[in-house]
Amino acid sequence: MESFISIINMPAYTPEELRTCIAADPQTSPSIYLADDSFAAWLYDHLSLREALSAFERDADPDECEQWELTALEWKAQVEMAIIALSAASKMNR
């Protein structure tokens, strides 16, 4: 298991890693754990939680997959990560 210090200094690349980072430091904005150049970070910055949930319910967008160089499964994981981060941010702001 990685130490707390190493977890907070690197972005999460999977939904599971993101959940671990957020659980380890729930007071920090979850966006810090999204790689700046990731589709998940773009979604976090541009969609509401409702919009991200709606995207997750549909098939991967082929144009977004091409633009972001993602497979359909990677697209789905990135949308899930945005949902996780948006949900955590929403809880922090209550």
PDB file of N, CA and C in Angstrom:
ATOM      1  N   MET A   1       0.846  -1.184   0.000  1.00  0.00           N
ATOM      2  CA  MET A   1       0.000   0.000   0.000  1.00  0.00           C
ATOM      3  C   MET A   1       0.882   1.233   0.000  1.00  0.00           C
ATOM      4  N   GLU A   2       0.532   2.185  -0.839  1.00  0.00           N
ATOM      5  CA  GLU A   2       1.304   3.399  -0.926  1.00  0.00           C
ATOM      6  C   GLU A   2       1.085   4.253   0.319  1.00  0.00           C
ATOM      7  N   SER A   3       2.098   5.025   0.636  1.00  0.00           N
ATOM      8  CA  SER A   3       1.941   5.934   1.770  1.00  0.00           C
ATOM      9  C   SER A   3       1.016   7.083   1.393  1.00  0.00           C
ATOM     10  N   PHE A   4       0.479   7.743   2.394  1.00  0.00           N
ATOM     11  CA  PHE A   4      -0.419   8.876   2.174  1.00  0.00           C
ATOM     12  C   PHE A   4       0.267   9.958   1.341  1.00  0.00           C
ATOM     13  N   ILE A   5       1.535  10.209   1.607  1.00  0.00           N
ATOM     14  CA  ILE A   5       2.270  11.255   0.899  1.00  0.00           C
ATOM     15  C   ILE A   5       2.319  10.941  -0.597  1.00  0.00           C
ATOM     16  N   SER A   6       2.614   9.715  -0.977  1.00  0.00           N
ATOM     17  CA  SER A   6       2.719   9.404  -2.397  1.00  0.00           C
ATOM     18  C   SER A   6       1.358   9.429  -3.076  1.00  0.00           C
ATOM     19  N   ILE A   7       0.300   9.110  -2.349  1.00  0.00           N
ATOM     20  CA  ILE A   7      -1.040   9.141  -2.935  1.00  0.00           C
ATOM     21  C   ILE A   7      -1.417  10.571  -3.307  1.00  0.00           C
ATOM     22  N   ILE A   8      -1.130  11.524  -2.439  1.00  0.00           N
ATOM     23  CA  ILE A   8      -1.588  12.882  -2.715  1.00  0.00           C
ATOM     24  C   ILE A   8      -0.724  13.596  -3.750  1.00  0.00           C
ATOM     25  N   ASN A   9       0.438  13.059  -4.096  1.00  0.00           N
ATOM     26  CA  ASN A   9       1.319  13.722  -5.044  1.00  0.00           C
ATOM     27  C   ASN A   9       1.165  13.212  -6.470  1.00  0.00           C
ATOM     28  N   MET A  10       0.225  12.322  -6.715  1.00  0.00           N
ATOM     29  CA  MET A  10       0.084  11.813  -8.065  1.00  0.00           C
ATOM     30  C   MET A  10      -1.385  11.706  -8.440  1.00  0.00           C
ATOM     31  N   PRO A  11      -1.659  11.880  -9.729  1.00  0.00           N
ATOM     32  CA  PRO A  11      -3.066  11.772 -10.134  1.00  0.00           C
ATOM     33  C   PRO A  11      -3.552  10.328 -10.108  1.00  0.00           C
ATOM     34  N   ALA A  12      -4.836  10.187  -9.991  1.00  0.00           N
ATOM     35  CA  ALA A  12      -5.463   8.870 -10.054  1.00  0.00           C
ATOM     36  C   ALA A  12      -5.724   8.541 -11.518  1.00  0.00           C
ATOM     37  N   TYR A  13      -5.548   7.279 -11.866  1.00  0.00           N
ATOM     38  CA  TYR A  13      -5.755   6.862 -13.252  1.00  0.00           C
ATOM     39  C   TYR A  13      -6.922   5.903 -13.412  1.00  0.00           C
ATOM     40  N   THR A  14      -7.508   5.486 -12.308  1.00  0.00           N
ATOM     41  CA  THR A  14      -8.665   4.603 -12.358  1.00  0.00           C
ATOM     42  C   THR A  14      -9.698   5.094 -11.334  1.00  0.00           C
ATOM     43  N   PRO A  15     -10.945   4.714 -11.515  1.00  0.00           N
ATOM     44  CA  PRO A  15     -11.943   5.087 -10.508  1.00  0.00           C
ATOM     45  C   PRO A  15     -11.569   4.606  -9.103  1.00  0.00           C
ATOM     46  N   GLU A  16     -10.999   3.422  -9.013  1.00  0.00           N
ATOM     47  CA  GLU A  16     -10.609   2.887  -7.701  1.00  0.00           C
ATOM     48  C   GLU A  16      -9.520   3.734  -7.059  1.00  0.00           C
ATOM     49  N   GLU A  17      -8.520   4.136  -7.852  1.00  0.00           N
ATOM     50  CA  GLU A  17      -7.466   4.993  -7.313  1.00  0.00           C
ATOM     51  C   GLU A  17      -8.041   6.331  -6.855  1.00  0.00           C
ATOM     52  N   LEU A  18      -8.972   6.874  -7.615  1.00  0.00           N
ATOM     53  CA  LEU A  18      -9.584   8.147  -7.243  1.00  0.00           C
ATOM     54  C   LEU A  18     -10.346   8.025  -5.933  1.00  0.00           C
ATOM     55  N   ARG A  19     -11.102   6.954  -5.785  1.00  0.00           N
ATOM     56  CA  ARG A  19     -11.823   6.742  -4.515  1.00  0.00           C
ATOM     57  C   ARG A  19     -10.849   6.666  -3.344  1.00  0.00           C
ATOM     58  N   THR A  20      -9.725   5.988  -3.536  1.00  0.00           N
ATOM     59  CA  THR A  20      -8.712   5.858  -2.484  1.00  0.00           C
ATOM     60  C   THR A  20      -8.140   7.224  -2.116  1.00  0.00           C
ATOM     61  N   CYS A  21      -7.819   8.024  -3.121  1.00  0.00           N
ATOM     62  CA  CYS A  21      -7.268   9.358  -2.861  1.00  0.00           C
ATOM     63  C   CYS A  21      -8.255  10.235  -2.105  1.00  0.00           C
ATOM     64  N   ILE A  22      -9.505  10.214  -2.535  1.00  0.00           N
ATOM     65  CA  ILE A  22     -10.525  11.041  -1.881  1.00  0.00           C
ATOM     66  C   ILE A  22     -10.759  10.575  -0.452  1.00  0.00           C
ATOM     67  N   ALA A  23     -10.791   9.274  -0.241  1.00  0.00           N
ATOM     68  CA  ALA A  23     -10.990   8.743   1.113  1.00  0.00           C
ATOM     69  C   ALA A  23      -9.816   9.093   2.022  1.00  0.00           C
ATOM     70  N   ALA A  24      -8.603   9.129   1.467  1.00  0.00           N
ATOM     71  CA  ALA A  24      -7.419   9.430   2.272  1.00  0.00           C
ATOM     72  C   ALA A  24      -7.366  10.900   2.691  1.00  0.00           C
ATOM     73  N   ASP A  25      -7.972  11.770   1.903  1.00  0.00           N
ATOM     74  CA  ASP A  25      -7.932  13.199   2.209  1.00  0.00           C
ATOM     75  C   ASP A  25      -9.232  13.865   1.758  1.00  0.00           C
ATOM     76  N   PRO A  26     -10.316  13.629   2.480  1.00  0.00           N
ATOM     77  CA  PRO A  26     -11.623  14.147   2.051  1.00  0.00           C
ATOM     78  C   PRO A  26     -11.762  15.661   2.126  1.00  0.00           C
ATOM     79  N   GLN A  27     -10.825  16.355   2.731  1.00  0.00           N
ATOM     80  CA  GLN A  27     -10.896  17.814   2.841  1.00  0.00           C
ATOM     81  C   GLN A  27     -10.304  18.527   1.625  1.00  0.00           C
ATOM     82  N   THR A  28      -9.607  17.781   0.775  1.00  0.00           N
ATOM     83  CA  THR A  28      -8.969  18.357  -0.406  1.00  0.00           C
ATOM     84  C   THR A  28      -9.904  18.250  -1.600  1.00  0.00           C
ATOM     85  N   SER A  29      -9.909  19.254  -2.437  1.00  0.00           N
ATOM     86  CA  SER A  29     -10.746  19.225  -3.636  1.00  0.00           C
ATOM     87  C   SER A  29     -10.411  17.982  -4.456  1.00  0.00           C
ATOM     88  N   PRO A  30     -11.416  17.199  -4.831  1.00  0.00           N
ATOM     89  CA  PRO A  30     -11.148  15.972  -5.582  1.00  0.00           C
ATOM     90  C   PRO A  30     -10.546  16.230  -6.957  1.00  0.00           C
ATOM     91  N   SER A  31     -10.704  17.424  -7.478  1.00  0.00           N
ATOM     92  CA  SER A  31     -10.148  17.714  -8.807  1.00  0.00           C
ATOM     93  C   SER A  31      -8.628  17.638  -8.817  1.00  0.00           C
ATOM     94  N   ILE A  32      -8.011  17.794  -7.657  1.00  0.00           N
ATOM     95  CA  ILE A  32      -6.546  17.733  -7.576  1.00  0.00           C
ATOM     96  C   ILE A  32      -6.019  16.359  -7.975  1.00  0.00           C
ATOM     97  N   TYR A  33      -6.853  15.347  -7.855  1.00  0.00           N
ATOM     98  CA  TYR A  33      -6.432  13.979  -8.154  1.00  0.00           C
ATOM     99  C   TYR A  33      -6.672  13.583  -9.609  1.00  0.00           C
ATOM    100  N   LEU A  34      -7.261  14.481 -10.396  1.00  0.00           N
ATOM    101  CA  LEU A  34      -7.479  14.204 -11.812  1.00  0.00           C
ATOM    102  C   LEU A  34      -6.320  14.800 -12.609  1.00  0.00           C
ATOM    103  N   ALA A  35      -5.728  14.013 -13.490  1.00  0.00           N
ATOM    104  CA  ALA A  35      -4.650  14.529 -14.335  1.00  0.00           C
ATOM    105  C   ALA A  35      -5.181  15.712 -15.139  1.00  0.00           C
ATOM    106  N   ASP A  36      -4.424  16.807 -15.158  1.00  0.00           N
ATOM    107  CA  ASP A  36      -4.882  18.036 -15.801  1.00  0.00           C
ATOM    108  C   ASP A  36      -5.263  17.846 -17.260  1.00  0.00           C
ATOM    109  N   ASP A  37      -4.579  16.954 -17.949  1.00  0.00           N
ATOM    110  CA  ASP A  37      -4.828  16.751 -19.379  1.00  0.00           C
ATOM    111  C   ASP A  37      -5.770  15.578 -19.659  1.00  0.00           C
ATOM    112  N   SER A  38      -6.501  15.138 -18.646  1.00  0.00           N
ATOM    113  CA  SER A  38      -7.383  13.979 -18.820  1.00  0.00           C
ATOM    114  C   SER A  38      -8.790  14.391 -19.227  1.00  0.00           C
ATOM    115  N   PHE A  39      -9.485  13.467 -19.850  1.00  0.00           N
ATOM    116  CA  PHE A  39     -10.887  13.669 -20.201  1.00  0.00           C
ATOM    117  C   PHE A  39     -11.710  13.843 -18.935  1.00  0.00           C
ATOM    118  N   ALA A  40     -11.371  13.106 -17.880  1.00  0.00           N
ATOM    119  CA  ALA A  40     -12.092  13.225 -16.607  1.00  0.00           C
ATOM    120  C   ALA A  40     -11.998  14.653 -16.066  1.00  0.00           C
ATOM    121  N   ALA A  41     -10.826  15.254 -16.140  1.00  0.00           N
ATOM    122  CA  ALA A  41     -10.656  16.631 -15.667  1.00  0.00           C
ATOM    123  C   ALA A  41     -11.470  17.593 -16.530  1.00  0.00           C
ATOM    124  N   TRP A  42     -11.487  17.373 -17.836  1.00  0.00           N
ATOM    125  CA  TRP A  42     -12.275  18.219 -18.722  1.00  0.00           C
ATOM    126  C   TRP A  42     -13.754  18.114 -18.360  1.00  0.00           C
ATOM    127  N   LEU A  43     -14.232  16.891 -18.158  1.00  0.00           N
ATOM    128  CA  LEU A  43     -15.627  16.684 -17.773  1.00  0.00           C
ATOM    129  C   LEU A  43     -15.930  17.377 -16.449  1.00  0.00           C
ATOM    130  N   TYR A  44     -15.034  17.227 -15.485  1.00  0.00           N
ATOM    131  CA  TYR A  44     -15.207  17.847 -14.169  1.00  0.00           C
ATOM    132  C   TYR A  44     -15.375  19.361 -14.310  1.00  0.00           C
ATOM    133  N   ASP A  45     -14.594  19.948 -15.192  1.00  0.00           N
ATOM    134  CA  ASP A  45     -14.619  21.399 -15.373  1.00  0.00           C
ATOM    135  C   ASP A  45     -15.801  21.897 -16.203  1.00  0.00           C
ATOM    136  N   HIS A  46     -16.384  21.032 -17.033  1.00  0.00           N
ATOM    137  CA  HIS A  46     -17.380  21.493 -17.991  1.00  0.00           C
ATOM    138  C   HIS A  46     -18.789  20.930 -17.821  1.00  0.00           C
ATOM    139  N   LEU A  47     -18.957  19.879 -17.040  1.00  0.00           N
ATOM    140  CA  LEU A  47     -20.272  19.272 -16.873  1.00  0.00           C
ATOM    141  C   LEU A  47     -20.749  19.359 -15.431  1.00  0.00           C
ATOM    142  N   SER A  48     -22.043  19.369 -15.282  1.00  0.00           N
ATOM    143  CA  SER A  48     -22.631  19.237 -13.945  1.00  0.00           C
ATOM    144  C   SER A  48     -22.649  17.749 -13.595  1.00  0.00           C
ATOM    145  N   LEU A  49     -22.907  17.457 -12.346  1.00  0.00           N
ATOM    146  CA  LEU A  49     -23.021  16.064 -11.931  1.00  0.00           C
ATOM    147  C   LEU A  49     -24.138  15.377 -12.717  1.00  0.00           C
ATOM    148  N   ARG A  50     -25.245  16.057 -12.881  1.00  0.00           N
ATOM    149  CA  ARG A  50     -26.377  15.481 -13.629  1.00  0.00           C
ATOM    150  C   ARG A  50     -25.978  15.157 -15.073  1.00  0.00           C
ATOM    151  N   GLU A  51     -25.251  16.064 -15.703  1.00  0.00           N
ATOM    152  CA  GLU A  51     -24.818  15.831 -17.088  1.00  0.00           C
ATOM    153  C   GLU A  51     -23.835  14.660 -17.174  1.00  0.00           C
ATOM    154  N   ALA A  52     -22.938  14.560 -16.204  1.00  0.00           N
ATOM    155  CA  ALA A  52     -21.978  13.450 -16.189  1.00  0.00           C
ATOM    156  C   ALA A  52     -22.695  12.118 -15.977  1.00  0.00           C
ATOM    157  N   LEU A  53     -23.672  12.113 -15.086  1.00  0.00           N
ATOM    158  CA  LEU A  53     -24.451  10.885 -14.866  1.00  0.00           C
ATOM    159  C   LEU A  53     -25.202  10.484 -16.126  1.00  0.00           C
ATOM    160  N   SER A  54     -25.729  11.441 -16.839  1.00  0.00           N
ATOM    161  CA  SER A  54     -26.426  11.175 -18.090  1.00  0.00           C
ATOM    162  C   SER A  54     -25.470  10.591 -19.126  1.00  0.00           C
ATOM    163  N   ALA A  55     -24.267  11.142 -19.206  1.00  0.00           N
ATOM    164  CA  ALA A  55     -23.259  10.623 -20.143  1.00  0.00           C
ATOM    165  C   ALA A  55     -22.905   9.181 -19.812  1.00  0.00           C
ATOM    166  N   PHE A  56     -22.808   8.879 -18.525  1.00  0.00           N
ATOM    167  CA  PHE A  56     -22.435   7.527 -18.103  1.00  0.00           C
ATOM    168  C   PHE A  56     -23.487   6.506 -18.511  1.00  0.00           C
ATOM    169  N   GLU A  57     -24.740   6.942 -18.615  1.00  0.00           N
ATOM    170  CA  GLU A  57     -25.839   6.034 -18.955  1.00  0.00           C
ATOM    171  C   GLU A  57     -25.906   5.694 -20.443  1.00  0.00           C
ATOM    172  N   ARG A  58     -25.131   6.387 -21.257  1.00  0.00           N
ATOM    173  CA  ARG A  58     -25.159   6.106 -22.693  1.00  0.00           C
ATOM    174  C   ARG A  58     -23.846   5.457 -23.126  1.00  0.00           C
ATOM    175  N   ASP A  59     -23.812   5.053 -24.376  1.00  0.00           N
ATOM    176  CA  ASP A  59     -22.591   4.480 -24.927  1.00  0.00           C
ATOM    177  C   ASP A  59     -21.531   5.570 -25.090  1.00  0.00           C
ATOM    178  N   ALA A  60     -20.302   5.128 -25.182  1.00  0.00           N
ATOM    179  CA  ALA A  60     -19.195   6.061 -25.382  1.00  0.00           C
ATOM    180  C   ALA A  60     -19.408   6.870 -26.656  1.00  0.00           C
ATOM    181  N   ASP A  61     -19.074   8.128 -26.589  1.00  0.00           N
ATOM    182  CA  ASP A  61     -19.185   9.010 -27.745  1.00  0.00           C
ATOM    183  C   ASP A  61     -17.976   8.774 -28.654  1.00  0.00           C
ATOM    184  N   PRO A  62     -18.204   8.316 -29.890  1.00  0.00           N
ATOM    185  CA  PRO A  62     -17.074   8.006 -30.771  1.00  0.00           C
ATOM    186  C   PRO A  62     -16.194   9.219 -31.072  1.00  0.00           C
ATOM    187  N   ASP A  63     -16.802  10.396 -31.189  1.00  0.00           N
ATOM    188  CA  ASP A  63     -16.010  11.602 -31.466  1.00  0.00           C
ATOM    189  C   ASP A  63     -15.116  11.953 -30.275  1.00  0.00           C
ATOM    190  N   GLU A  64     -15.665  11.846 -29.071  1.00  0.00           N
ATOM    191  CA  GLU A  64     -14.850  12.116 -27.880  1.00  0.00           C
ATOM    192  C   GLU A  64     -13.756  11.064 -27.735  1.00  0.00           C
ATOM    193  N   CYS A  65     -14.073   9.828 -28.028  1.00  0.00           N
ATOM    194  CA  CYS A  65     -13.055   8.770 -27.959  1.00  0.00           C
ATOM    195  C   CYS A  65     -11.904   9.079 -28.913  1.00  0.00           C
ATOM    196  N   GLU A  66     -12.236   9.500 -30.118  1.00  0.00           N
ATOM    197  CA  GLU A  66     -11.196   9.827 -31.098  1.00  0.00           C
ATOM    198  C   GLU A  66     -10.392  11.046 -30.645  1.00  0.00           C
ATOM    199  N   GLN A  67     -11.093  12.080 -30.221  1.00  0.00           N
ATOM    200  CA  GLN A  67     -10.422  13.313 -29.799  1.00  0.00           C
ATOM    201  C   GLN A  67      -9.478  13.078 -28.622  1.00  0.00           C
ATOM    202  N   TRP A  68      -9.924  12.269 -27.658  1.00  0.00           N
ATOM    203  CA  TRP A  68      -9.145  12.051 -26.445  1.00  0.00           C
ATOM    204  C   TRP A  68      -8.299  10.776 -26.513  1.00  0.00           C
ATOM    205  N   GLU A  69      -8.348  10.093 -27.660  1.00  0.00           N
ATOM    206  CA  GLU A  69      -7.585   8.855 -27.879  1.00  0.00           C
ATOM    207  C   GLU A  69      -7.894   7.817 -26.809  1.00  0.00           C
ATOM    208  N   LEU A  70      -9.196   7.551 -26.638  1.00  0.00           N
ATOM    209  CA  LEU A  70      -9.674   6.609 -25.631  1.00  0.00           C
ATOM    210  C   LEU A  70     -10.443   5.475 -26.297  1.00  0.00           C
ATOM    211  N   THR A  71     -10.370   4.296 -25.692  1.00  0.00           N
ATOM    212  CA  THR A  71     -11.266   3.220 -26.086  1.00  0.00           C
ATOM    213  C   THR A  71     -12.618   3.495 -25.421  1.00  0.00           C
ATOM    214  N   ALA A  72     -13.626   2.752 -25.805  1.00  0.00           N
ATOM    215  CA  ALA A  72     -14.942   2.922 -25.186  1.00  0.00           C
ATOM    216  C   ALA A  72     -14.884   2.640 -23.685  1.00  0.00           C
ATOM    217  N   LEU A  73     -14.123   1.631 -23.288  1.00  0.00           N
ATOM    218  CA  LEU A  73     -13.996   1.316 -21.859  1.00  0.00           C
ATOM    219  C   LEU A  73     -13.245   2.414 -21.107  1.00  0.00           C
ATOM    220  N   GLU A  74     -12.206   2.961 -21.717  1.00  0.00           N
ATOM    221  CA  GLU A  74     -11.472   4.058 -21.084  1.00  0.00           C
ATOM    222  C   GLU A  74     -12.361   5.296 -20.967  1.00  0.00           C
ATOM    223  N   TRP A  75     -13.166   5.563 -21.993  1.00  0.00           N
ATOM    224  CA  TRP A  75     -14.103   6.684 -21.965  1.00  0.00           C
ATOM    225  C   TRP A  75     -15.041   6.533 -20.778  1.00  0.00           C
ATOM    226  N   LYS A  76     -15.595   5.322 -20.611  1.00  0.00           N
ATOM    227  CA  LYS A  76     -16.535   5.053 -19.521  1.00  0.00           C
ATOM    228  C   LYS A  76     -15.848   5.274 -18.167  1.00  0.00           C
ATOM    229  N   ALA A  77     -14.614   4.807 -18.026  1.00  0.00           N
ATOM    230  CA  ALA A  77     -13.878   4.980 -16.767  1.00  0.00           C
ATOM    231  C   ALA A  77     -13.613   6.458 -16.483  1.00  0.00           C
ATOM    232  N   GLN A  78     -13.301   7.236 -17.518  1.00  0.00           N
ATOM    233  CA  GLN A  78     -13.057   8.667 -17.327  1.00  0.00           C
ATOM    234  C   GLN A  78     -14.335   9.397 -16.902  1.00  0.00           C
ATOM    235  N   VAL A  79     -15.462   9.007 -17.501  1.00  0.00           N
ATOM    236  CA  VAL A  79     -16.742   9.597 -17.092  1.00  0.00           C
ATOM    237  C   VAL A  79     -17.038   9.222 -15.642  1.00  0.00           C
ATOM    238  N   GLU A  80     -16.776   7.961 -15.286  1.00  0.00           N
ATOM    239  CA  GLU A  80     -16.995   7.532 -13.900  1.00  0.00           C
ATOM    240  C   GLU A  80     -16.122   8.336 -12.937  1.00  0.00           C
ATOM    241  N   MET A  81     -14.885   8.593 -13.320  1.00  0.00           N
ATOM    242  CA  MET A  81     -14.002   9.378 -12.460  1.00  0.00           C
ATOM    243  C   MET A  81     -14.525  10.806 -12.283  1.00  0.00           C
ATOM    244  N   ALA A  82     -15.044  11.375 -13.342  1.00  0.00           N
ATOM    245  CA  ALA A  82     -15.623  12.716 -13.229  1.00  0.00           C
ATOM    246  C   ALA A  82     -16.812  12.694 -12.277  1.00  0.00           C
ATOM    247  N   ILE A  83     -17.636  11.662 -12.376  1.00  0.00           N
ATOM    248  CA  ILE A  83     -18.791  11.538 -11.478  1.00  0.00           C
ATOM    249  C   ILE A  83     -18.336  11.426 -10.026  1.00  0.00           C
ATOM    250  N   ILE A  84     -17.330  10.611  -9.781  1.00  0.00           N
ATOM    251  CA  ILE A  84     -16.806  10.440  -8.424  1.00  0.00           C
ATOM    252  C   ILE A  84     -16.310  11.780  -7.882  1.00  0.00           C
ATOM    253  N   ALA A  85     -15.538  12.506  -8.698  1.00  0.00           N
ATOM    254  CA  ALA A  85     -14.986  13.779  -8.264  1.00  0.00           C
ATOM    255  C   ALA A  85     -16.085  14.828  -8.067  1.00  0.00           C
ATOM    256  N   LEU A  86     -17.023  14.904  -9.002  1.00  0.00           N
ATOM    257  CA  LEU A  86     -18.130  15.853  -8.870  1.00  0.00           C
ATOM    258  C   LEU A  86     -18.989  15.549  -7.642  1.00  0.00           C
ATOM    259  N   SER A  87     -19.225  14.277  -7.388  1.00  0.00           N
ATOM    260  CA  SER A  87     -20.002  13.874  -6.203  1.00  0.00           C
ATOM    261  C   SER A  87     -19.289  14.282  -4.921  1.00  0.00           C
ATOM    262  N   ALA A  88     -17.992  14.021  -4.863  1.00  0.00           N
ATOM    263  CA  ALA A  88     -17.213  14.374  -3.674  1.00  0.00           C
ATOM    264  C   ALA A  88     -17.182  15.883  -3.479  1.00  0.00           C
ATOM    265  N   ALA A  89     -17.037  16.628  -4.570  1.00  0.00           N
ATOM    266  CA  ALA A  89     -17.026  18.096  -4.470  1.00  0.00           C
ATOM    267  C   ALA A  89     -18.374  18.611  -3.977  1.00  0.00           C
ATOM    268  N   SER A  90     -19.436  17.991  -4.448  1.00  0.00           N
ATOM    269  CA  SER A  90     -20.778  18.380  -4.017  1.00  0.00           C
ATOM    270  C   SER A  90     -20.954  18.163  -2.514  1.00  0.00           C
ATOM    271  N   LYS A  91     -20.444  17.062  -2.011  1.00  0.00           N
ATOM    272  CA  LYS A  91     -20.529  16.773  -0.575  1.00  0.00           C
ATOM    273  C   LYS A  91     -19.720  17.772   0.237  1.00  0.00           C
ATOM    274  N   MET A  92     -18.579  18.210  -0.307  1.00  0.00           N
ATOM    275  CA  MET A  92     -17.739  19.181   0.407  1.00  0.00           C
ATOM    276  C   MET A  92     -18.436  20.530   0.515  1.00  0.00           C
ATOM    277  N   ASN A  93     -19.238  20.859  -0.475  1.00  0.00           N
ATOM    278  CA  ASN A  93     -19.873  22.183  -0.533  1.00  0.00           C
ATOM    279  C   ASN A  93     -21.197  22.267   0.210  1.00  0.00           C
ATOM    280  N   ARG A  94     -21.581  21.212   0.864  1.00  0.00           N
ATOM    281  CA  ARG A  94     -22.844  21.236   1.620  1.00  0.00           C
ATOM    282  C   ARG A  94     -22.658  21.875   2.962  1.00  0.00           C
TER     283      ARG A  94
END
